[in-house]
């Protein structure tokens, strides 16, 4: 878990993504939550817990997984 922030930051640099939010869940418990980056490239406003991310076509599998796990 200690290497996760560096991995995320390296991936962001490599892809040019300005921000990500990461949550790790293990055994139905949130064990890690962190926001990385800024709202827009060149912007100084950091993302936070209320930032809305555009996830495009990734939303369908995420939503279906969440629904299937909640049963």
PDB file of N, CA and C in Angstrom:
ATOM      1  N   UNK A   1       0.826  -1.182   0.000  1.00  0.00           N
ATOM      2  CA  UNK A   1       0.000   0.000   0.000  1.00  0.00           C
ATOM      3  C   UNK A   1       0.878   1.257   0.000  1.00  0.00           C
ATOM      4  N   UNK A   2       2.029   1.184   0.590  1.00  0.00           N
ATOM      5  CA  UNK A   2       2.911   2.345   0.667  1.00  0.00           C
ATOM      6  C   UNK A   2       3.387   2.800  -0.713  1.00  0.00           C
ATOM      7  N   UNK A   3       3.454   1.886  -1.668  1.00  0.00           N
ATOM      8  CA  UNK A   3       3.926   2.231  -3.016  1.00  0.00           C
ATOM      9  C   UNK A   3       2.818   2.777  -3.913  1.00  0.00           C
ATOM     10  N   UNK A   4       1.586   2.696  -3.471  1.00  0.00           N
ATOM     11  CA  UNK A   4       0.448   3.093  -4.305  1.00  0.00           C
ATOM     12  C   UNK A   4       0.489   4.567  -4.736  1.00  0.00           C
ATOM     13  N   UNK A   5       0.745   5.528  -3.842  1.00  0.00           N
ATOM     14  CA  UNK A   5       0.767   6.929  -4.287  1.00  0.00           C
ATOM     15  C   UNK A   5       1.781   7.187  -5.409  1.00  0.00           C
ATOM     16  N   UNK A   6       2.944   6.646  -5.306  1.00  0.00           N
ATOM     17  CA  UNK A   6       3.945   6.849  -6.360  1.00  0.00           C
ATOM     18  C   UNK A   6       3.509   6.199  -7.668  1.00  0.00           C
ATOM     19  N   UNK A   7       2.926   5.017  -7.570  1.00  0.00           N
ATOM     20  CA  UNK A   7       2.423   4.329  -8.767  1.00  0.00           C
ATOM     21  C   UNK A   7       1.371   5.196  -9.467  1.00  0.00           C
ATOM     22  N   UNK A   8       0.435   5.746  -8.693  1.00  0.00           N
ATOM     23  CA  UNK A   8      -0.623   6.581  -9.260  1.00  0.00           C
ATOM     24  C   UNK A   8      -0.025   7.837  -9.898  1.00  0.00           C
ATOM     25  N   UNK A   9       0.878   8.502  -9.201  1.00  0.00           N
ATOM     26  CA  UNK A   9       1.495   9.721  -9.725  1.00  0.00           C
ATOM     27  C   UNK A   9       2.290   9.439 -10.995  1.00  0.00           C
ATOM     28  N   UNK A  10       3.018   8.335 -11.042  1.00  0.00           N
ATOM     29  CA  UNK A  10       3.756   7.950 -12.254  1.00  0.00           C
ATOM     30  C   UNK A  10       2.791   7.685 -13.412  1.00  0.00           C
ATOM     31  N   UNK A  11       1.692   6.997 -13.136  1.00  0.00           N
ATOM     32  CA  UNK A  11       0.704   6.704 -14.171  1.00  0.00           C
ATOM     33  C   UNK A  11       0.058   7.993 -14.686  1.00  0.00           C
ATOM     34  N   UNK A  12      -0.214   8.925 -13.797  1.00  0.00           N
ATOM     35  CA  UNK A  12      -0.790  10.201 -14.213  1.00  0.00           C
ATOM     36  C   UNK A  12       0.171  10.961 -15.130  1.00  0.00           C
ATOM     37  N   UNK A  13       1.443  10.986 -14.752  1.00  0.00           N
ATOM     38  CA  UNK A  13       2.439  11.655 -15.601  1.00  0.00           C
ATOM     39  C   UNK A  13       2.533  10.979 -16.962  1.00  0.00           C
ATOM     40  N   UNK A  14       2.513   9.664 -16.973  1.00  0.00           N
ATOM     41  CA  UNK A  14       2.640   8.910 -18.214  1.00  0.00           C
ATOM     42  C   UNK A  14       1.458   9.060 -19.153  1.00  0.00           C
ATOM     43  N   UNK A  15       0.282   9.296 -18.601  1.00  0.00           N
ATOM     44  CA  UNK A  15      -0.923   9.389 -19.430  1.00  0.00           C
ATOM     45  C   UNK A  15      -1.403  10.819 -19.645  1.00  0.00           C
ATOM     46  N   UNK A  16      -0.928  11.747 -18.828  1.00  0.00           N
ATOM     47  CA  UNK A  16      -1.370  13.125 -18.936  1.00  0.00           C
ATOM     48  C   UNK A  16      -2.707  13.402 -18.277  1.00  0.00           C
ATOM     49  N   UNK A  17      -3.193  12.458 -17.514  1.00  0.00           N
ATOM     50  CA  UNK A  17      -4.459  12.639 -16.797  1.00  0.00           C
ATOM     51  C   UNK A  17      -4.216  13.646 -15.668  1.00  0.00           C
ATOM     52  N   UNK A  18      -5.052  14.687 -15.561  1.00  0.00           N
ATOM     53  CA  UNK A  18      -4.805  15.707 -14.545  1.00  0.00           C
ATOM     54  C   UNK A  18      -5.176  15.291 -13.121  1.00  0.00           C
ATOM     55  N   UNK A  19      -6.084  14.319 -12.972  1.00  0.00           N
ATOM     56  CA  UNK A  19      -6.520  13.943 -11.627  1.00  0.00           C
ATOM     57  C   UNK A  19      -7.142  12.563 -11.612  1.00  0.00           C
ATOM     58  N   UNK A  20      -7.044  11.923 -10.463  1.00  0.00           N
ATOM     59  CA  UNK A  20      -7.731  10.650 -10.228  1.00  0.00           C
ATOM     60  C   UNK A  20      -8.130  10.577  -8.756  1.00  0.00           C
ATOM     61  N   UNK A  21      -9.108   9.757  -8.488  1.00  0.00           N
ATOM     62  CA  UNK A  21      -9.488   9.435  -7.119  1.00  0.00           C
ATOM     63  C   UNK A  21      -9.325   7.926  -6.980  1.00  0.00           C
ATOM     64  N   UNK A  22      -8.692   7.512  -5.904  1.00  0.00           N
ATOM     65  CA  UNK A  22      -8.398   6.092  -5.707  1.00  0.00           C
ATOM     66  C   UNK A  22      -9.022   5.629  -4.393  1.00  0.00           C
ATOM     67  N   UNK A  23      -9.689   4.495  -4.456  1.00  0.00           N
ATOM     68  CA  UNK A  23     -10.193   3.851  -3.244  1.00  0.00           C
ATOM     69  C   UNK A  23      -9.863   2.373  -3.347  1.00  0.00           C
ATOM     70  N   UNK A  24      -9.357   1.835  -2.266  1.00  0.00           N
ATOM     71  CA  UNK A  24      -9.058   0.404  -2.198  1.00  0.00           C
ATOM     72  C   UNK A  24      -9.967  -0.195  -1.138  1.00  0.00           C
ATOM     73  N   UNK A  25     -10.700  -1.223  -1.536  1.00  0.00           N
ATOM     74  CA  UNK A  25     -11.609  -1.908  -0.625  1.00  0.00           C
ATOM     75  C   UNK A  25     -11.143  -3.340  -0.469  1.00  0.00           C
ATOM     76  N   UNK A  26     -11.021  -3.777   0.771  1.00  0.00           N
ATOM     77  CA  UNK A  26     -10.606  -5.152   1.054  1.00  0.00           C
ATOM     78  C   UNK A  26     -11.516  -5.711   2.138  1.00  0.00           C
ATOM     79  N   UNK A  27     -12.089  -6.876   1.868  1.00  0.00           N
ATOM     80  CA  UNK A  27     -13.017  -7.499   2.829  1.00  0.00           C
ATOM     81  C   UNK A  27     -14.128  -6.532   3.250  1.00  0.00           C
ATOM     82  N   UNK A  28     -14.709  -5.847   2.247  1.00  0.00           N
ATOM     83  CA  UNK A  28     -15.818  -4.923   2.466  1.00  0.00           C
ATOM     84  C   UNK A  28     -15.473  -3.729   3.355  1.00  0.00           C
ATOM     85  N   UNK A  29     -14.178  -3.422   3.483  1.00  0.00           N
ATOM     86  CA  UNK A  29     -13.749  -2.257   4.250  1.00  0.00           C
ATOM     87  C   UNK A  29     -12.878  -1.382   3.363  1.00  0.00           C
ATOM     88  N   UNK A  30     -13.112  -0.074   3.430  1.00  0.00           N
ATOM     89  CA  UNK A  30     -12.263   0.871   2.708  1.00  0.00           C
ATOM     90  C   UNK A  30     -10.960   0.988   3.487  1.00  0.00           C
ATOM     91  N   UNK A  31      -9.854   0.601   2.833  1.00  0.00           N
ATOM     92  CA  UNK A  31      -8.564   0.627   3.509  1.00  0.00           C
ATOM     93  C   UNK A  31      -7.664   1.751   3.010  1.00  0.00           C
ATOM     94  N   UNK A  32      -8.068   2.407   1.916  1.00  0.00           N
ATOM     95  CA  UNK A  32      -7.265   3.509   1.381  1.00  0.00           C
ATOM     96  C   UNK A  32      -8.156   4.392   0.526  1.00  0.00           C
ATOM     97  N   UNK A  33      -8.067   5.709   0.738  1.00  0.00           N
ATOM     98  CA  UNK A  33      -8.791   6.680  -0.082  1.00  0.00           C
ATOM     99  C   UNK A  33      -7.887   7.900  -0.250  1.00  0.00           C
ATOM    100  N   UNK A  34      -7.710   8.334  -1.504  1.00  0.00           N
ATOM    101  CA  UNK A  34      -6.901   9.533  -1.736  1.00  0.00           C
ATOM    102  C   UNK A  34      -7.240  10.126  -3.097  1.00  0.00           C
ATOM    103  N   UNK A  35      -7.253  11.472  -3.157  1.00  0.00           N
ATOM    104  CA  UNK A  35      -7.420  12.206  -4.405  1.00  0.00           C
ATOM    105  C   UNK A  35      -6.044  12.676  -4.846  1.00  0.00           C
ATOM    106  N   UNK A  36      -5.810  12.649  -6.154  1.00  0.00           N
ATOM    107  CA  UNK A  36      -4.541  13.089  -6.714  1.00  0.00           C
ATOM    108  C   UNK A  36      -4.806  14.104  -7.818  1.00  0.00           C
ATOM    109  N   UNK A  37      -4.050  15.178  -7.859  1.00  0.00           N
ATOM    110  CA  UNK A  37      -4.066  16.073  -8.998  1.00  0.00           C
ATOM    111  C   UNK A  37      -4.979  17.275  -8.888  1.00  0.00           C
ATOM    112  N   UNK A  38      -5.186  17.890 -10.069  1.00  0.00           N
ATOM    113  CA  UNK A  38      -5.951  19.130 -10.175  1.00  0.00           C
ATOM    114  C   UNK A  38      -7.123  18.945 -11.117  1.00  0.00           C
ATOM    115  N   UNK A  39      -8.096  19.846 -11.018  1.00  0.00           N
ATOM    116  CA  UNK A  39      -9.326  19.719 -11.815  1.00  0.00           C
ATOM    117  C   UNK A  39      -9.088  19.812 -13.313  1.00  0.00           C
ATOM    118  N   UNK A  40      -8.160  20.674 -13.726  1.00  0.00           N
ATOM    119  CA  UNK A  40      -7.848  20.835 -15.153  1.00  0.00           C
ATOM    120  C   UNK A  40      -6.350  20.990 -15.320  1.00  0.00           C
ATOM    121  N   UNK A  41      -5.824  20.554 -16.448  1.00  0.00           N
ATOM    122  CA  UNK A  41      -4.409  20.752 -16.754  1.00  0.00           C
ATOM    123  C   UNK A  41      -4.117  22.246 -16.700  1.00  0.00           C
ATOM    124  N   UNK A  42      -3.073  22.616 -15.976  1.00  0.00           N
ATOM    125  CA  UNK A  42      -2.699  24.018 -15.848  1.00  0.00           C
ATOM    126  C   UNK A  42      -3.449  24.764 -14.773  1.00  0.00           C
ATOM    127  N   UNK A  43      -4.368  24.108 -14.101  1.00  0.00           N
ATOM    128  CA  UNK A  43      -5.179  24.709 -13.052  1.00  0.00           C
ATOM    129  C   UNK A  43      -4.536  24.408 -11.703  1.00  0.00           C
ATOM    130  N   UNK A  44      -4.744  25.276 -10.735  1.00  0.00           N
ATOM    131  CA  UNK A  44      -4.179  25.057  -9.400  1.00  0.00           C
ATOM    132  C   UNK A  44      -5.210  24.505  -8.420  1.00  0.00           C
ATOM    133  N   UNK A  45      -6.458  24.347  -8.854  1.00  0.00           N
ATOM    134  CA  UNK A  45      -7.502  23.872  -7.943  1.00  0.00           C
ATOM    135  C   UNK A  45      -7.424  22.344  -7.852  1.00  0.00           C
ATOM    136  N   UNK A  46      -7.129  21.870  -6.661  1.00  0.00           N
ATOM    137  CA  UNK A  46      -6.997  20.425  -6.435  1.00  0.00           C
ATOM    138  C   UNK A  46      -8.366  19.746  -6.435  1.00  0.00           C
ATOM    139  N   UNK A  47      -8.364  18.477  -6.794  1.00  0.00           N
ATOM    140  CA  UNK A  47      -9.589  17.691  -6.683  1.00  0.00           C
ATOM    141  C   UNK A  47      -9.809  17.355  -5.218  1.00  0.00           C
ATOM    142  N   UNK A  48     -11.046  17.000  -4.888  1.00  0.00           N
ATOM    143  CA  UNK A  48     -11.381  16.660  -3.510  1.00  0.00           C
ATOM    144  C   UNK A  48     -12.511  15.662  -3.481  1.00  0.00           C
ATOM    145  N   UNK A  49     -13.040  15.392  -2.312  1.00  0.00           N
ATOM    146  CA  UNK A  49     -14.080  14.381  -2.170  1.00  0.00           C
ATOM    147  C   UNK A  49     -15.365  14.693  -2.930  1.00  0.00           C
ATOM    148  N   UNK A  50     -15.612  15.960  -3.255  1.00  0.00           N
ATOM    149  CA  UNK A  50     -16.839  16.329  -3.964  1.00  0.00           C
ATOM    150  C   UNK A  50     -16.633  16.543  -5.461  1.00  0.00           C
ATOM    151  N   UNK A  51     -15.433  16.287  -5.962  1.00  0.00           N
ATOM    152  CA  UNK A  51     -15.158  16.460  -7.385  1.00  0.00           C
ATOM    153  C   UNK A  51     -15.886  15.388  -8.188  1.00  0.00           C
ATOM    154  N   UNK A  52     -16.554  15.819  -9.249  1.00  0.00           N
ATOM    155  CA  UNK A  52     -17.238  14.888 -10.135  1.00  0.00           C
ATOM    156  C   UNK A  52     -16.302  14.574 -11.294  1.00  0.00           C
ATOM    157  N   UNK A  53     -16.001  13.293 -11.477  1.00  0.00           N
ATOM    158  CA  UNK A  53     -15.111  12.850 -12.544  1.00  0.00           C
ATOM    159  C   UNK A  53     -15.929  12.315 -13.707  1.00  0.00           C
ATOM    160  N   UNK A  54     -15.472  12.596 -14.924  1.00  0.00           N
ATOM    161  CA  UNK A  54     -16.072  11.996 -16.107  1.00  0.00           C
ATOM    162  C   UNK A  54     -15.385  10.652 -16.315  1.00  0.00           C
ATOM    163  N   UNK A  55     -16.163   9.586 -16.317  1.00  0.00           N
ATOM    164  CA  UNK A  55     -15.542   8.276 -16.478  1.00  0.00           C
ATOM    165  C   UNK A  55     -15.964   7.583 -17.761  1.00  0.00           C
ATOM    166  N   UNK A  56     -16.749   8.264 -18.576  1.00  0.00           N
ATOM    167  CA  UNK A  56     -17.102   7.780 -19.917  1.00  0.00           C
ATOM    168  C   UNK A  56     -17.649   6.366 -19.876  1.00  0.00           C
ATOM    169  N   UNK A  57     -17.199   5.517 -20.785  1.00  0.00           N
ATOM    170  CA  UNK A  57     -17.780   4.183 -20.918  1.00  0.00           C
ATOM    171  C   UNK A  57     -17.342   3.226 -19.818  1.00  0.00           C
ATOM    172  N   UNK A  58     -16.500   3.676 -18.904  1.00  0.00           N
ATOM    173  CA  UNK A  58     -16.100   2.838 -17.778  1.00  0.00           C
ATOM    174  C   UNK A  58     -17.243   2.714 -16.772  1.00  0.00           C
ATOM    175  N   UNK A  59     -18.199   3.651 -16.827  1.00  0.00           N
ATOM    176  CA  UNK A  59     -19.261   3.672 -15.828  1.00  0.00           C
ATOM    177  C   UNK A  59     -20.151   2.434 -15.864  1.00  0.00           C
ATOM    178  N   UNK A  60     -20.375   1.868 -17.042  1.00  0.00           N
ATOM    179  CA  UNK A  60     -21.275   0.708 -17.123  1.00  0.00           C
ATOM    180  C   UNK A  60     -20.743  -0.499 -16.339  1.00  0.00           C
ATOM    181  N   UNK A  61     -19.501  -0.938 -16.556  1.00  0.00           N
ATOM    182  CA  UNK A  61     -19.024  -2.085 -15.767  1.00  0.00           C
ATOM    183  C   UNK A  61     -18.888  -1.778 -14.278  1.00  0.00           C
ATOM    184  N   UNK A  62     -18.536  -0.542 -13.949  1.00  0.00           N
ATOM    185  CA  UNK A  62     -18.438  -0.169 -12.527  1.00  0.00           C
ATOM    186  C   UNK A  62     -19.817  -0.228 -11.888  1.00  0.00           C
ATOM    187  N   UNK A  63     -20.810   0.339 -12.552  1.00  0.00           N
ATOM    188  CA  UNK A  63     -22.173   0.332 -12.007  1.00  0.00           C
ATOM    189  C   UNK A  63     -22.719  -1.078 -11.863  1.00  0.00           C
ATOM    190  N   UNK A  64     -22.491  -1.898 -12.887  1.00  0.00           N
ATOM    191  CA  UNK A  64     -23.015  -3.273 -12.811  1.00  0.00           C
ATOM    192  C   UNK A  64     -22.324  -4.070 -11.710  1.00  0.00           C
ATOM    193  N   UNK A  65     -21.048  -3.825 -11.501  1.00  0.00           N
ATOM    194  CA  UNK A  65     -20.326  -4.508 -10.416  1.00  0.00           C
ATOM    195  C   UNK A  65     -20.874  -4.067  -9.080  1.00  0.00           C
ATOM    196  N   UNK A  66     -21.101  -2.776  -8.909  1.00  0.00           N
ATOM    197  CA  UNK A  66     -21.632  -2.267  -7.645  1.00  0.00           C
ATOM    198  C   UNK A  66     -23.011  -2.842  -7.363  1.00  0.00           C
ATOM    199  N   UNK A  67     -23.835  -2.921  -8.387  1.00  0.00           N
ATOM    200  CA  UNK A  67     -25.185  -3.475  -8.198  1.00  0.00           C
ATOM    201  C   UNK A  67     -25.149  -4.955  -7.860  1.00  0.00           C
ATOM    202  N   UNK A  68     -24.289  -5.700  -8.502  1.00  0.00           N
ATOM    203  CA  UNK A  68     -24.236  -7.137  -8.248  1.00  0.00           C
ATOM    204  C   UNK A  68     -23.670  -7.443  -6.866  1.00  0.00           C
ATOM    205  N   UNK A  69     -22.766  -6.567  -6.371  1.00  0.00           N
ATOM    206  CA  UNK A  69     -22.177  -6.780  -5.046  1.00  0.00           C
ATOM    207  C   UNK A  69     -23.141  -6.404  -3.928  1.00  0.00           C
ATOM    208  N   UNK A  70     -24.119  -5.563  -4.222  1.00  0.00           N
ATOM    209  CA  UNK A  70     -24.998  -5.080  -3.156  1.00  0.00           C
ATOM    210  C   UNK A  70     -26.130  -6.064  -2.838  1.00  0.00           C
ATOM    211  N   UNK A  71     -26.260  -7.114  -3.578  1.00  0.00           N
ATOM    212  CA  UNK A  71     -27.345  -8.072  -3.344  1.00  0.00           C
ATOM    213  C   UNK A  71     -27.098  -8.968  -2.186  1.00  0.00           C
TER     214      UNK A  71
END
